[in-house]
Amino acid sequence: MQPVTYNYPLRFRTTKWFLLVYCVFALIIFFYYIPDQGKIIGLFLAAVLFFDVALFWNMYPEIVLEEDGLLVHFFFWWLPVKWQDIVDVKLDFVTRITSNWPGIFRNNRLYIVKARSLTFFHRFYDRRFFSFSPTFYIYSKISGFEELLSIFENKNLIQTREKLAV
């Protein structure tokens, strides 16, 4: 099987890079333009900003599908995720609620993929769902979204009740 790459549209990737560059410039500004007594607070704010932007930057990763699993892009590395390491693939809570609403919500779907073999930082993505499992998101704007979901369904990774929700 030839590896297949799934990535997001150019405007999505451009926004991610813009946020990362903005964060680096914010760090530089905090170091050079804040008086000495404010450097500690500025450094703390810059670290929080950098951490949040870095988390967002990697929340919706580029994915490569291979025979034995997935490769998930994290910063500048590719993390291998074997099929047996994927614990769960389910719809986001908000997506489940808004899937029957008219308008823009109908076409936008977000799936949460929980896996065992991701980094410590991937645990922060699941914090809004009160769980600390290593997680990444698959948003419906990724190329080949339906194909990727059908592969997850063939591997029996998506729960049956959530297949019916959309």
Protein backbone atom coordinates (compact mmCIF):
# COMPACT_ATOMS: atom_id res chain seq x y z
CA MET A 1 0.00 0.00 0.00
CA GLN A 2 1.28 3.40 -1.01
CA PRO A 3 1.32 6.01 1.83
CA VAL A 4 -1.50 8.58 1.49
CA THR A 5 -1.15 12.09 2.93
CA TYR A 6 -4.12 13.99 4.35
CA ASN A 7 -3.61 17.66 5.01
CA TYR A 8 -5.60 20.84 5.59
CA PRO A 9 -6.30 23.67 3.12
CA LEU A 10 -3.65 26.32 2.50
CA ARG A 11 -5.46 29.03 4.49
CA PHE A 12 -5.57 26.73 7.52
CA ARG A 13 -1.84 25.94 7.30
CA THR A 14 -1.00 29.60 6.67
CA THR A 15 -2.88 30.64 9.79
CA LYS A 16 -0.93 28.10 11.82
CA TRP A 17 2.40 29.44 10.56
CA PHE A 18 1.30 33.04 11.10
CA LEU A 19 0.44 32.27 14.73
CA LEU A 20 3.80 30.63 15.29
CA VAL A 21 5.70 33.59 13.79
CA TYR A 22 3.55 35.99 15.84
CA CYS A 23 4.45 34.07 18.96
CA VAL A 24 8.18 34.28 18.24
CA PHE A 25 7.89 38.04 17.67
CA ALA A 26 5.96 38.38 20.93
CA LEU A 27 8.82 36.66 22.76
CA ILE A 28 11.34 39.06 21.21
CA ILE A 29 9.23 42.08 22.13
CA PHE A 30 8.87 40.88 25.72
CA PHE A 31 12.64 40.54 26.07
CA TYR A 32 13.67 43.83 24.50
CA TYR A 33 10.91 46.34 25.21
CA ILE A 34 9.63 45.52 28.68
CA PRO A 35 11.43 47.20 31.62
CA ASP A 36 13.49 45.03 33.96
CA GLN A 37 10.88 44.92 36.72
CA GLY A 38 8.29 43.55 34.28
CA LYS A 39 10.51 40.94 32.66
CA ILE A 40 9.35 38.11 34.91
CA ILE A 41 5.68 38.80 34.24
CA GLY A 42 6.40 39.35 30.56
CA LEU A 43 8.36 36.13 30.36
CA PHE A 44 5.52 34.24 32.04
CA LEU A 45 2.94 35.75 29.65
CA ALA A 46 5.16 34.98 26.67
CA ALA A 47 5.60 31.37 27.81
CA VAL A 48 1.84 30.95 28.23
CA LEU A 49 1.24 32.50 24.80
CA PHE A 50 3.88 30.28 23.20
CA PHE A 51 2.49 27.14 24.88
CA ASP A 52 -1.08 27.89 23.75
CA VAL A 53 -0.05 28.71 20.19
CA ALA A 54 2.13 25.60 20.04
CA LEU A 55 -0.78 23.48 21.22
CA PHE A 56 -3.10 24.99 18.61
CA TRP A 57 -0.44 24.65 15.94
CA ASN A 58 -0.34 20.86 16.47
CA MET A 59 -3.99 20.23 17.36
CA TYR A 60 -5.03 19.52 13.76
CA PRO A 61 -2.07 17.54 12.40
CA GLU A 62 -1.24 16.44 8.92
CA ILE A 63 -1.78 12.67 8.71
CA VAL A 64 -0.09 10.03 6.56
CA LEU A 65 -1.90 6.72 6.20
CA GLU A 66 0.32 3.65 5.98
CA GLU A 67 -0.26 -0.10 5.98
CA ASP A 68 0.37 -0.58 9.69
CA GLY A 69 -1.13 2.68 11.00
CA LEU A 70 -0.87 6.45 10.83
CA LEU A 71 1.92 8.98 10.92
CA VAL A 72 0.83 12.07 12.84
CA HIS A 73 2.74 15.31 12.33
CA PHE A 74 3.85 16.93 15.61
CA PHE A 75 5.98 20.08 15.31
CA PHE A 76 8.68 18.89 12.92
CA TRP A 77 8.47 15.15 13.61
CA TRP A 78 6.26 12.33 12.40
CA LEU A 79 4.89 10.16 15.20
CA PRO A 80 3.92 6.60 14.25
CA VAL A 81 0.55 5.41 15.58
CA LYS A 82 -0.16 1.72 15.02
CA TRP A 83 -3.75 0.62 14.44
CA GLN A 84 -3.77 -1.33 17.70
CA ASP A 85 -2.66 1.82 19.58
CA ILE A 86 -5.76 3.77 18.55
CA VAL A 87 -8.16 3.52 21.48
CA ASP A 88 -11.17 5.45 20.22
CA VAL A 89 -12.41 7.65 17.40
CA LYS A 90 -15.52 9.63 18.26
CA LEU A 91 -17.41 12.75 17.38
CA ASP A 92 -16.76 15.88 19.37
CA PHE A 93 -19.50 16.77 21.87
CA VAL A 94 -20.32 20.07 20.13
CA THR A 95 -20.48 18.32 16.74
CA ARG A 96 -22.98 15.82 18.11
CA ILE A 97 -25.23 18.64 19.32
CA THR A 98 -25.01 20.85 16.23
CA SER A 99 -25.05 18.15 13.53
CA ASN A 100 -28.81 18.55 12.97
CA TRP A 101 -28.78 22.35 12.98
CA PRO A 102 -29.16 24.17 9.66
CA GLY A 103 -26.40 26.35 8.32
CA ILE A 104 -22.65 26.17 8.73
CA PHE A 105 -22.67 23.64 11.56
CA ARG A 106 -24.04 20.83 9.40
CA ASN A 107 -20.92 20.48 7.23
CA ASN A 108 -18.31 21.02 9.95
CA ARG A 109 -17.46 17.87 11.88
CA LEU A 110 -14.72 17.24 14.38
CA TYR A 111 -13.54 13.77 15.39
CA ILE A 112 -11.41 13.07 18.42
CA VAL A 113 -8.81 10.32 17.99
CA LYS A 114 -7.40 8.86 21.20
CA ALA A 115 -4.21 6.86 20.90
CA ARG A 116 -1.69 5.33 23.28
CA SER A 117 1.52 6.15 21.46
CA LEU A 118 1.48 9.94 21.30
CA THR A 119 3.51 12.46 23.28
CA PHE A 120 2.82 13.87 26.74
CA PHE A 121 1.71 17.15 25.15
CA HIS A 122 -1.11 15.40 23.29
CA ARG A 123 -2.79 14.89 26.67
CA PHE A 124 -3.56 18.62 26.80
CA TYR A 125 -5.83 18.42 23.75
CA ASP A 126 -8.29 16.25 25.65
CA ARG A 127 -8.45 18.49 28.72
CA ARG A 128 -11.65 20.16 27.57
CA PHE A 129 -13.37 16.78 27.72
CA PHE A 130 -12.11 16.09 31.28
CA SER A 131 -9.87 13.26 30.24
CA PHE A 132 -6.12 13.21 29.87
CA SER A 133 -5.70 10.64 27.14
CA PRO A 134 -3.26 11.43 24.31
CA THR A 135 -5.47 12.91 21.60
CA PHE A 136 -5.48 14.63 18.24
CA TYR A 137 -8.33 16.02 16.15
CA ILE A 138 -9.50 15.33 12.63
CA TYR A 139 -11.53 18.23 11.30
CA SER A 140 -13.82 17.85 8.29
CA LYS A 141 -11.73 20.34 6.27
CA ILE A 142 -8.86 17.84 5.93
CA SER A 143 -8.39 16.42 2.44
CA GLY A 144 -9.95 12.96 2.07
CA PHE A 145 -12.01 13.30 5.26
CA GLU A 146 -14.72 10.81 4.23
CA GLU A 147 -12.11 8.30 3.02
CA LEU A 148 -10.26 8.56 6.33
CA LEU A 149 -13.50 8.01 8.28
CA SER A 150 -14.38 4.98 6.17
CA ILE A 151 -10.96 3.50 6.95
CA PHE A 152 -11.62 4.03 10.67
CA GLU A 153 -15.03 2.39 10.27
CA ASN A 154 -13.51 -0.60 8.45
CA LYS A 155 -11.05 -1.02 11.32
CA ASN A 156 -14.00 -0.84 13.79
CA LEU A 157 -12.55 2.18 15.58
CA ILE A 158 -15.67 4.40 15.41
CA GLN A 159 -18.44 3.56 17.84
CA THR A 160 -21.73 2.51 16.22
CA ARG A 161 -23.96 5.00 18.04
CA GLU A 162 -21.77 7.87 16.87
CA LYS A 163 -21.83 6.72 13.25
CA LEU A 164 -25.58 7.37 13.31
CA ALA A 165 -25.21 10.87 14.77
CA VAL A 166 -24.17 12.48 11.50
